[in-house]
Amino acid sequence: MAYLAKERKDDLKTLATELGLEIGEMMRVIDFKNLILTSKDYDEQFNKTLLETIIETRVQAERDEKEESEYKRKQEGLILELERMKLSMTATSTNTSAAA
């Protein structure tokens, strides 16, 4: 039961959904905790394991999203750098042609 005390609302909502519990739109963290704890098929060890899996999945998804965002940012930076180099080469080429 203590394992529910520190968890995020979205994780508790996912747990309740996975357990097939009926959830409402305006439920608070305490409502999710009570719903889970009072469900007829409550099994603390199963729920704890399932919640850990839900959290691990969320954390991994957040990590993947952050890595993808970082990759895109670096890629955009490289594209900008390439464009700068092209412009620099064009300017150098134009200056060289004009001088000759």
C-alpha atoms as a PDB file:
ATOM      1  CA  MET A   1       0.000   0.000   0.000  1.00  0.00           C
ATOM      2  CA  ALA A   2       2.866   2.388   0.752  1.00  0.00           C
ATOM      3  CA  TYR A   3       4.131   1.868  -2.782  1.00  0.00           C
ATOM      4  CA  LEU A   4       1.203   4.005  -4.040  1.00  0.00           C
ATOM      5  CA  ALA A   5       2.024   6.963  -1.783  1.00  0.00           C
ATOM      6  CA  LYS A   6       4.663   8.634  -3.920  1.00  0.00           C
ATOM      7  CA  GLU A   7       3.538   7.830  -7.441  1.00  0.00           C
ATOM      8  CA  ARG A   8       2.456  10.234 -10.148  1.00  0.00           C
ATOM      9  CA  LYS A   9      -1.175  10.697 -11.073  1.00  0.00           C
ATOM     10  CA  ASP A  10      -0.687   9.559 -14.664  1.00  0.00           C
ATOM     11  CA  ASP A  11       1.032   6.352 -13.492  1.00  0.00           C
ATOM     12  CA  LEU A  12      -1.816   5.596 -11.076  1.00  0.00           C
ATOM     13  CA  LYS A  13      -4.337   6.320 -13.816  1.00  0.00           C
ATOM     14  CA  THR A  14      -2.549   3.905 -16.145  1.00  0.00           C
ATOM     15  CA  LEU A  15      -2.461   1.277 -13.393  1.00  0.00           C
ATOM     16  CA  ALA A  16      -6.192   1.659 -12.757  1.00  0.00           C
ATOM     17  CA  THR A  17      -6.874   1.383 -16.482  1.00  0.00           C
ATOM     18  CA  GLU A  18      -4.670  -1.712 -16.815  1.00  0.00           C
ATOM     19  CA  LEU A  19      -6.544  -3.297 -13.918  1.00  0.00           C
ATOM     20  CA  GLY A  20      -9.809  -2.680 -15.746  1.00  0.00           C
ATOM     21  CA  LEU A  21     -11.111  -0.256 -13.147  1.00  0.00           C
ATOM     22  CA  GLU A  22     -13.612   2.405 -14.118  1.00  0.00           C
ATOM     23  CA  ILE A  23     -12.043   5.830 -13.872  1.00  0.00           C
ATOM     24  CA  GLY A  24     -13.598   9.285 -13.973  1.00  0.00           C
ATOM     25  CA  GLU A  25     -12.459  12.489 -15.632  1.00  0.00           C
ATOM     26  CA  MET A  26     -11.942  14.548 -12.482  1.00  0.00           C
ATOM     27  CA  MET A  27     -10.230  11.944 -10.294  1.00  0.00           C
ATOM     28  CA  ARG A  28      -7.408  13.063  -8.013  1.00  0.00           C
ATOM     29  CA  VAL A  29      -4.380  11.063  -6.892  1.00  0.00           C
ATOM     30  CA  ILE A  30      -6.133  10.021  -3.681  1.00  0.00           C
ATOM     31  CA  ASP A  31      -9.143   8.861  -5.707  1.00  0.00           C
ATOM     32  CA  PHE A  32      -6.952   6.617  -7.852  1.00  0.00           C
ATOM     33  CA  LYS A  33      -5.231   5.211  -4.758  1.00  0.00           C
ATOM     34  CA  ASN A  34      -8.553   4.435  -3.087  1.00  0.00           C
ATOM     35  CA  LEU A  35      -9.968   2.922  -6.271  1.00  0.00           C
ATOM     36  CA  ILE A  36      -6.968   0.617  -6.649  1.00  0.00           C
ATOM     37  CA  LEU A  37      -6.810  -0.365  -2.973  1.00  0.00           C
ATOM     38  CA  THR A  38     -10.519  -1.149  -2.748  1.00  0.00           C
ATOM     39  CA  SER A  39     -10.822  -3.078  -6.002  1.00  0.00           C
ATOM     40  CA  LYS A  40     -12.269  -6.545  -5.500  1.00  0.00           C
ATOM     41  CA  ASP A  41      -9.276  -8.285  -7.123  1.00  0.00           C
ATOM     42  CA  TYR A  42      -6.630  -6.269  -5.258  1.00  0.00           C
ATOM     43  CA  ASP A  43      -3.287  -8.083  -5.116  1.00  0.00           C
ATOM     44  CA  GLU A  44      -0.541  -5.894  -3.671  1.00  0.00           C
ATOM     45  CA  GLN A  45       2.415  -7.730  -5.186  1.00  0.00           C
ATOM     46  CA  PHE A  46       0.836  -7.925  -8.646  1.00  0.00           C
ATOM     47  CA  ASN A  47      -0.165  -4.251  -8.550  1.00  0.00           C
ATOM     48  CA  LYS A  48       3.276  -3.222  -7.323  1.00  0.00           C
ATOM     49  CA  THR A  49       4.988  -5.153 -10.117  1.00  0.00           C
ATOM     50  CA  LEU A  50       2.596  -3.778 -12.727  1.00  0.00           C
ATOM     51  CA  LEU A  51       3.120  -0.223 -11.457  1.00  0.00           C
ATOM     52  CA  GLU A  52       6.904  -0.661 -11.628  1.00  0.00           C
ATOM     53  CA  THR A  53       6.539  -1.812 -15.235  1.00  0.00           C
ATOM     54  CA  ILE A  54       4.314   1.168 -16.047  1.00  0.00           C
ATOM     55  CA  ILE A  55       6.864   3.557 -14.534  1.00  0.00           C
ATOM     56  CA  GLU A  56       9.787   1.912 -16.341  1.00  0.00           C
ATOM     57  CA  THR A  57       7.896   2.133 -19.633  1.00  0.00           C
ATOM     58  CA  ARG A  58       7.097   5.820 -19.087  1.00  0.00           C
ATOM     59  CA  VAL A  59      10.665   6.660 -18.076  1.00  0.00           C
ATOM     60  CA  GLN A  60      12.056   4.815 -21.109  1.00  0.00           C
ATOM     61  CA  ALA A  61       9.609   6.623 -23.413  1.00  0.00           C
ATOM     62  CA  GLU A  62      10.661   9.969 -21.909  1.00  0.00           C
ATOM     63  CA  ARG A  63      14.322   9.040 -22.347  1.00  0.00           C
ATOM     64  CA  ASP A  64      13.735   7.982 -25.963  1.00  0.00           C
ATOM     65  CA  GLU A  65      11.861  11.204 -26.690  1.00  0.00           C
ATOM     66  CA  LYS A  66      14.671  13.272 -25.179  1.00  0.00           C
ATOM     67  CA  GLU A  67      17.299  11.404 -27.207  1.00  0.00           C
ATOM     68  CA  GLU A  68      15.279  11.837 -30.398  1.00  0.00           C
ATOM     69  CA  SER A  69      14.856  15.542 -29.706  1.00  0.00           C
ATOM     70  CA  GLU A  70      18.589  15.905 -29.076  1.00  0.00           C
ATOM     71  CA  TYR A  71      19.365  13.993 -32.288  1.00  0.00           C
ATOM     72  CA  LYS A  72      17.051  16.266 -34.306  1.00  0.00           C
ATOM     73  CA  ARG A  73      18.581  19.353 -32.721  1.00  0.00           C
ATOM     74  CA  LYS A  74      22.092  18.188 -33.637  1.00  0.00           C
ATOM     75  CA  GLN A  75      20.958  17.269 -37.133  1.00  0.00           C
ATOM     76  CA  GLU A  76      19.430  20.729 -37.642  1.00  0.00           C
ATOM     77  CA  GLY A  77      22.662  22.286 -36.382  1.00  0.00           C
ATOM     78  CA  LEU A  78      24.690  20.271 -38.886  1.00  0.00           C
ATOM     79  CA  ILE A  79      22.352  21.285 -41.713  1.00  0.00           C
ATOM     80  CA  LEU A  80      22.753  24.955 -40.765  1.00  0.00           C
ATOM     81  CA  GLU A  81      26.527  24.565 -40.613  1.00  0.00           C
ATOM     82  CA  LEU A  82      26.522  22.943 -44.061  1.00  0.00           C
ATOM     83  CA  GLU A  83      24.456  25.826 -45.453  1.00  0.00           C
ATOM     84  CA  ARG A  84      26.903  28.337 -43.939  1.00  0.00           C
ATOM     85  CA  MET A  85      29.809  26.490 -45.558  1.00  0.00           C
ATOM     86  CA  LYS A  86      28.047  26.471 -48.926  1.00  0.00           C
ATOM     87  CA  LEU A  87      27.382  30.212 -48.675  1.00  0.00           C
ATOM     88  CA  SER A  88      30.970  30.841 -47.643  1.00  0.00           C
ATOM     89  CA  MET A  89      32.272  28.805 -50.585  1.00  0.00           C
ATOM     90  CA  THR A  90      29.938  30.611 -52.975  1.00  0.00           C
ATOM     91  CA  ALA A  91      31.084  33.988 -51.663  1.00  0.00           C
ATOM     92  CA  THR A  92      34.744  32.963 -51.923  1.00  0.00           C
ATOM     93  CA  SER A  93      34.185  31.638 -55.434  1.00  0.00           C
ATOM     94  CA  THR A  94      32.426  34.846 -56.473  1.00  0.00           C
ATOM     95  CA  ASN A  95      35.209  37.004 -55.012  1.00  0.00           C
ATOM     96  CA  THR A  96      37.883  34.910 -56.738  1.00  0.00           C
ATOM     97  CA  SER A  97      36.075  35.158 -60.100  1.00  0.00           C
ATOM     98  CA  ALA A  98      35.632  38.924 -59.740  1.00  0.00           C
ATOM     99  CA  ALA A  99      39.324  39.403 -58.902  1.00  0.00           C
ATOM    100  CA  ALA A 100      40.515  37.466 -61.967  1.00  0.00           C
END
